[in-house]
Amino acid sequence: MIPYTQQGSYTVDQKVSYMKPYKTMNFKAENKAVLLDILRSIDIVGPLINGDRRKEYTEPYAMAHLLSSLAEGHGLLKFPLESIHREPPNDKPDFLLSMGRKKIGIEHIDARPENETRKDVFRRTEGIGPSVYFETPVEPDKPKRSAKQLRKEIMANVPGAGFGDHIDEQWAKVMLHFIDKKVQKLQTPEFSRYDEDWLLIRDAWPFPSVNPENATKYLFSQILNRNNKLEFHHVFIISCSNRGPVCEITKSGFHFHSRNDLWS
């Protein structure tokens, strides 16, 4: 089990009172310096600190961390660059990244158990449960529990049986589940395809410490062992903990990008 601390209210310091709204992921950047300045000015942290994990908060968080980290590398980002955060019902995919004539669709998914997400809502909206609580292991696609049961679990705050051995393999299984889930969406008629299709996973699954290299290596081996190819040109996995590298997986291998946290 993982103890999680729900922090208090987020207050913007006077020194950064010029900060733009948290969800302003629509911008143009002529070069790397401008891109980093724009990203740094966007409040992607405040809403999450306050315990709100709706997609309008988690998507900008993941996209901003992805772009800031890729900007420090070589090859994937070209300038001038334009980012468009697409609104429902035209959010298939969630982002459109334009670099010259090249257009990249970026689909985002929050890798978090649905029941834990619903508990987040109850904690935030109803103010129930302790400020420090346990998150317990769970398999992907577990059935939804009733609101009554979830409230009962929040108040009881009982630690689970633990995660056991082979954490890296379990992590890979969860990530593969979300990749497959989005591959199905990628192949539907309403999903727009571009020069490249990227998948961005915000890893918020309640695992203890995972070894990124071992876990990603195992995930890549599982992808290779399957008959169907990786439908996305790039899959990026970014931890919600503000730490750890950005994992990149393609059909030919995997790579790690150093995390460039502009908001800590």
Protein backbone atom coordinates (compact mmCIF):
# COMPACT_ATOMS: atom_id res chain seq x y z
CA MET A 1 0.00 0.00 0.00
CA ILE A 2 1.08 3.56 -0.57
CA PRO A 3 0.36 6.35 1.92
CA TYR A 4 -0.75 9.45 0.05
CA THR A 5 -0.79 12.95 1.48
CA GLN A 6 -3.57 15.28 0.41
CA GLN A 7 -2.03 18.71 0.68
CA GLY A 8 -3.76 21.91 1.60
CA SER A 9 -4.93 24.82 -0.49
CA TYR A 10 -2.66 26.11 -3.21
CA THR A 11 -1.80 29.80 -3.11
CA VAL A 12 -0.06 31.53 -6.00
CA ASP A 13 2.86 33.60 -4.77
CA GLN A 14 2.84 37.31 -5.55
CA LYS A 15 6.04 36.91 -7.55
CA VAL A 16 4.26 34.71 -10.07
CA SER A 17 0.89 36.44 -10.01
CA TYR A 18 1.18 36.91 -13.78
CA MET A 19 0.75 33.15 -14.21
CA LYS A 20 -1.68 32.23 -16.98
CA PRO A 21 -4.70 29.98 -16.40
CA TYR A 22 -3.68 26.38 -15.82
CA LYS A 23 -5.28 25.02 -18.99
CA THR A 24 -3.74 27.39 -21.52
CA MET A 25 -2.06 24.76 -23.66
CA ASN A 26 -2.87 26.62 -26.88
CA PHE A 27 0.19 28.54 -27.98
CA LYS A 28 2.89 29.07 -30.60
CA ALA A 29 6.61 29.00 -29.86
CA GLU A 30 9.24 30.23 -32.27
CA ASN A 31 12.12 28.50 -30.50
CA LYS A 32 13.07 26.43 -27.47
CA ALA A 33 13.54 29.42 -25.15
CA VAL A 34 10.08 30.76 -25.94
CA LEU A 35 8.54 27.32 -25.47
CA LEU A 36 10.08 26.90 -22.02
CA ASP A 37 9.01 30.41 -20.99
CA ILE A 38 5.43 29.70 -22.05
CA LEU A 39 5.31 26.36 -20.27
CA ARG A 40 6.85 27.81 -17.11
CA SER A 41 4.12 30.48 -17.00
CA ILE A 42 1.25 27.96 -16.97
CA ASP A 43 -0.04 26.74 -13.62
CA ILE A 44 -0.25 22.99 -14.12
CA VAL A 45 0.39 22.15 -10.47
CA GLY A 46 -2.15 24.07 -8.39
CA PRO A 47 -5.33 22.16 -9.32
CA LEU A 48 -3.66 18.78 -8.75
CA ILE A 49 -2.28 19.85 -5.38
CA ASN A 50 -5.84 20.71 -4.43
CA GLY A 51 -6.83 17.12 -5.18
CA ASP A 52 -8.70 17.75 -8.44
CA ARG A 53 -7.82 15.13 -11.03
CA ARG A 54 -10.27 15.85 -13.82
CA LYS A 55 -8.89 15.56 -17.34
CA GLU A 56 -8.83 19.34 -17.83
CA TYR A 57 -6.09 19.37 -15.17
CA THR A 58 -4.25 16.11 -15.79
CA GLU A 59 -3.95 16.61 -19.56
CA PRO A 60 -2.11 19.98 -19.35
CA TYR A 61 0.13 18.57 -16.60
CA ALA A 62 1.24 15.61 -18.71
CA MET A 63 1.57 17.57 -21.96
CA ALA A 64 3.58 20.39 -20.37
CA HIS A 65 6.00 17.94 -18.75
CA LEU A 66 6.35 16.05 -22.01
CA LEU A 67 7.16 19.14 -24.06
CA SER A 68 9.54 20.60 -21.46
CA SER A 69 11.46 17.32 -21.32
CA LEU A 70 11.57 16.73 -25.08
CA ALA A 71 12.77 20.30 -25.58
CA GLU A 72 16.03 19.39 -23.85
CA GLY A 73 16.61 16.47 -26.20
CA HIS A 74 17.36 16.33 -29.88
CA GLY A 75 15.23 15.47 -32.85
CA LEU A 76 11.61 15.14 -31.78
CA LEU A 77 10.65 18.82 -31.46
CA LYS A 78 11.09 21.25 -34.34
CA PHE A 79 10.43 24.98 -34.37
CA PRO A 80 8.32 26.98 -34.91
CA LEU A 81 5.88 24.84 -32.94
CA GLU A 82 2.16 25.16 -32.26
CA SER A 83 0.20 23.32 -29.57
CA ILE A 84 -3.59 23.03 -29.68
CA HIS A 85 -5.51 21.53 -26.76
CA ARG A 86 -8.64 20.26 -28.44
CA GLU A 87 -12.05 20.61 -26.85
CA PRO A 88 -14.85 17.99 -26.74
CA PRO A 89 -16.31 16.60 -28.88
CA ASN A 90 -13.29 17.19 -31.14
CA ASP A 91 -10.76 15.81 -28.65
CA LYS A 92 -9.89 12.64 -30.52
CA PRO A 93 -6.96 13.04 -30.13
CA ASP A 94 -6.61 15.44 -27.19
CA PHE A 95 -3.76 17.55 -28.61
CA LEU A 96 -2.54 18.60 -32.02
CA LEU A 97 1.11 19.49 -32.31
CA SER A 98 2.19 21.28 -35.51
CA MET A 99 5.85 21.67 -36.46
CA GLY A 100 6.11 23.19 -39.92
CA ARG A 101 4.17 20.96 -42.28
CA LYS A 102 4.26 18.02 -39.90
CA LYS A 103 1.22 17.42 -37.71
CA ILE A 104 1.18 15.09 -34.72
CA GLY A 105 -1.92 13.94 -32.89
CA ILE A 106 -1.32 13.28 -29.19
CA GLU A 107 -3.84 11.22 -27.26
CA HIS A 108 -3.66 11.37 -23.46
CA ILE A 109 -4.81 8.86 -20.87
CA ASP A 110 -4.62 8.94 -17.09
CA ALA A 111 -3.48 5.53 -15.85
CA ARG A 112 -5.35 5.48 -12.55
CA PRO A 113 -7.90 3.01 -11.14
CA GLU A 114 -11.43 4.27 -11.75
CA ASN A 115 -12.51 3.55 -8.18
CA GLU A 116 -9.54 5.54 -6.82
CA THR A 117 -10.44 8.44 -9.12
CA ARG A 118 -13.98 8.40 -7.77
CA LYS A 119 -12.61 8.39 -4.22
CA ASP A 120 -10.58 11.48 -5.14
CA VAL A 121 -13.83 13.22 -6.07
CA PHE A 122 -15.50 12.31 -2.77
CA ARG A 123 -12.50 13.46 -0.75
CA ARG A 124 -12.41 16.78 -2.57
CA THR A 125 -16.11 17.57 -2.82
CA GLU A 126 -17.31 16.12 0.49
CA GLY A 127 -14.21 16.67 2.62
CA ILE A 128 -14.31 13.13 4.01
CA GLY A 129 -11.52 10.85 5.13
CA PRO A 130 -8.06 11.48 6.62
CA SER A 131 -5.55 13.78 4.93
CA VAL A 132 -3.06 10.90 4.73
CA TYR A 133 -4.50 7.72 3.29
CA PHE A 134 -3.56 4.39 1.73
CA GLU A 135 -3.87 3.43 -1.90
CA THR A 136 -4.05 -0.32 -2.40
CA PRO A 137 -3.08 -2.61 -5.30
CA VAL A 138 -5.71 -3.33 -7.91
CA GLU A 139 -5.99 -5.00 -11.31
CA PRO A 140 -6.96 -2.93 -14.37
CA ASP A 141 -10.67 -2.79 -15.23
CA LYS A 142 -11.93 -3.85 -11.82
CA PRO A 143 -15.72 -3.42 -11.59
CA LYS A 144 -17.04 -0.11 -10.30
CA ARG A 145 -17.99 -0.18 -6.65
CA SER A 146 -20.96 1.68 -5.26
CA ALA A 147 -20.59 5.21 -3.92
CA LYS A 148 -21.61 3.90 -0.51
CA GLN A 149 -18.84 1.31 -0.52
CA LEU A 150 -16.23 3.82 -1.68
CA ARG A 151 -17.18 6.28 1.08
CA LYS A 152 -16.92 3.45 3.59
CA GLU A 153 -13.43 2.55 2.31
CA ILE A 154 -12.34 6.20 2.52
CA MET A 155 -13.38 6.46 6.15
CA ALA A 156 -11.90 3.09 7.13
CA ASN A 157 -8.57 3.82 5.38
CA VAL A 158 -7.44 0.21 5.77
CA PRO A 159 -4.12 -0.74 4.10
CA GLY A 160 -4.35 -3.56 1.60
CA ALA A 161 -2.41 -6.78 1.48
CA GLY A 162 0.56 -5.21 -0.31
CA PHE A 163 1.84 -5.39 -3.86
CA GLY A 164 3.90 -8.55 -3.55
CA ASP A 165 6.85 -9.36 -5.80
CA HIS A 166 7.52 -8.55 -9.45
CA ILE A 167 6.42 -4.93 -9.24
CA ASP A 168 8.09 -4.02 -12.54
CA GLU A 169 6.19 -6.79 -14.36
CA GLN A 170 2.92 -5.71 -12.76
CA TRP A 171 3.57 -2.12 -13.84
CA ALA A 172 4.21 -3.27 -17.42
CA LYS A 173 0.94 -5.21 -17.40
CA VAL A 174 -0.98 -2.10 -16.34
CA MET A 175 0.68 0.13 -18.94
CA LEU A 176 0.04 -2.44 -21.67
CA HIS A 177 -3.62 -2.46 -20.67
CA PHE A 178 -3.88 1.30 -21.25
CA ILE A 179 -1.93 1.13 -24.52
CA ASP A 180 -4.33 -1.51 -25.82
CA LYS A 181 -7.29 0.55 -24.66
CA LYS A 182 -6.14 3.54 -26.68
CA VAL A 183 -5.17 1.45 -29.72
CA GLN A 184 -8.82 0.43 -29.95
CA LYS A 185 -9.84 4.09 -29.86
CA LEU A 186 -7.19 4.98 -32.45
CA GLN A 187 -8.86 2.66 -34.96
CA THR A 188 -12.36 4.12 -34.65
CA PRO A 189 -13.75 6.37 -37.44
CA GLU A 190 -14.13 9.43 -35.19
CA PHE A 191 -10.44 9.47 -34.29
CA SER A 192 -8.42 11.85 -36.48
CA ARG A 193 -5.10 10.54 -37.78
CA TYR A 194 -2.10 12.71 -38.62
CA ASP A 195 1.45 12.38 -39.92
CA GLU A 196 2.26 10.76 -36.59
CA ASP A 197 0.10 9.52 -33.73
CA TRP A 198 1.52 9.69 -30.19
CA LEU A 199 0.15 8.29 -26.95
CA LEU A 200 0.86 10.10 -23.68
CA ILE A 201 0.22 8.15 -20.47
CA ARG A 202 0.21 9.90 -17.10
CA ASP A 203 1.16 7.10 -14.72
CA ALA A 204 -0.89 7.57 -11.55
CA TRP A 205 -1.27 3.89 -10.68
CA PRO A 206 -0.78 3.12 -6.97
CA PHE A 207 2.51 1.24 -7.21
CA PRO A 208 5.45 1.55 -4.85
CA SER A 209 8.83 2.36 -6.36
CA VAL A 210 9.22 1.01 -9.88
CA ASN A 211 12.59 0.59 -11.61
CA PRO A 212 12.01 2.56 -14.85
CA GLU A 213 14.65 0.72 -16.89
CA ASN A 214 13.63 -2.79 -15.85
CA ALA A 215 9.91 -2.05 -16.07
CA THR A 216 10.11 -0.38 -19.50
CA LYS A 217 12.37 -3.12 -20.83
CA TYR A 218 9.82 -5.71 -19.74
CA LEU A 219 6.96 -3.67 -21.25
CA PHE A 220 8.81 -3.42 -24.57
CA SER A 221 9.44 -7.17 -24.58
CA GLN A 222 5.73 -7.80 -24.05
CA ILE A 223 4.90 -5.55 -26.99
CA LEU A 224 7.42 -7.41 -29.20
CA ASN A 225 6.01 -10.79 -28.19
CA ARG A 226 2.59 -9.95 -29.57
CA ASN A 227 1.56 -10.46 -33.16
CA ASN A 228 0.12 -6.98 -33.62
CA LYS A 229 2.50 -4.06 -34.04
CA LEU A 230 2.60 -0.92 -31.92
CA GLU A 231 -0.02 1.28 -33.60
CA PHE A 232 1.25 4.55 -32.12
CA HIS A 233 4.46 6.00 -33.55
CA HIS A 234 5.57 6.95 -30.03
CA VAL A 235 4.25 6.04 -26.58
CA PHE A 236 5.36 8.31 -23.73
CA ILE A 237 4.84 7.42 -20.07
CA ILE A 238 5.29 10.13 -17.48
CA SER A 239 5.01 9.71 -13.73
CA CYS A 240 2.58 11.93 -11.80
CA SER A 241 5.15 12.26 -8.99
CA ASN A 242 7.19 15.03 -10.70
CA ARG A 243 10.15 12.63 -10.59
CA GLY A 244 11.65 10.00 -12.81
CA PRO A 245 12.37 10.10 -16.52
CA VAL A 246 9.92 10.31 -19.38
CA CYS A 247 9.79 6.85 -20.95
CA GLU A 248 9.55 6.72 -24.74
CA ILE A 249 8.62 3.52 -26.57
CA THR A 250 8.57 2.97 -30.32
CA LYS A 251 8.29 -0.16 -32.43
CA SER A 252 12.10 -0.33 -32.61
CA GLY A 253 13.08 0.27 -28.98
CA PHE A 254 12.75 2.45 -25.90
CA HIS A 255 14.48 5.55 -24.61
CA PHE A 256 14.48 7.74 -21.49
CA HIS A 257 14.28 11.52 -21.48
CA SER A 258 15.48 13.37 -18.40
CA ARG A 259 12.62 15.07 -16.57
CA ASN A 260 12.67 18.84 -17.00
CA ASP A 261 10.47 20.10 -14.16
CA LEU A 262 9.95 23.83 -14.62
CA TRP A 263 7.32 24.14 -11.89
CA SER A 264 8.88 22.72 -8.70
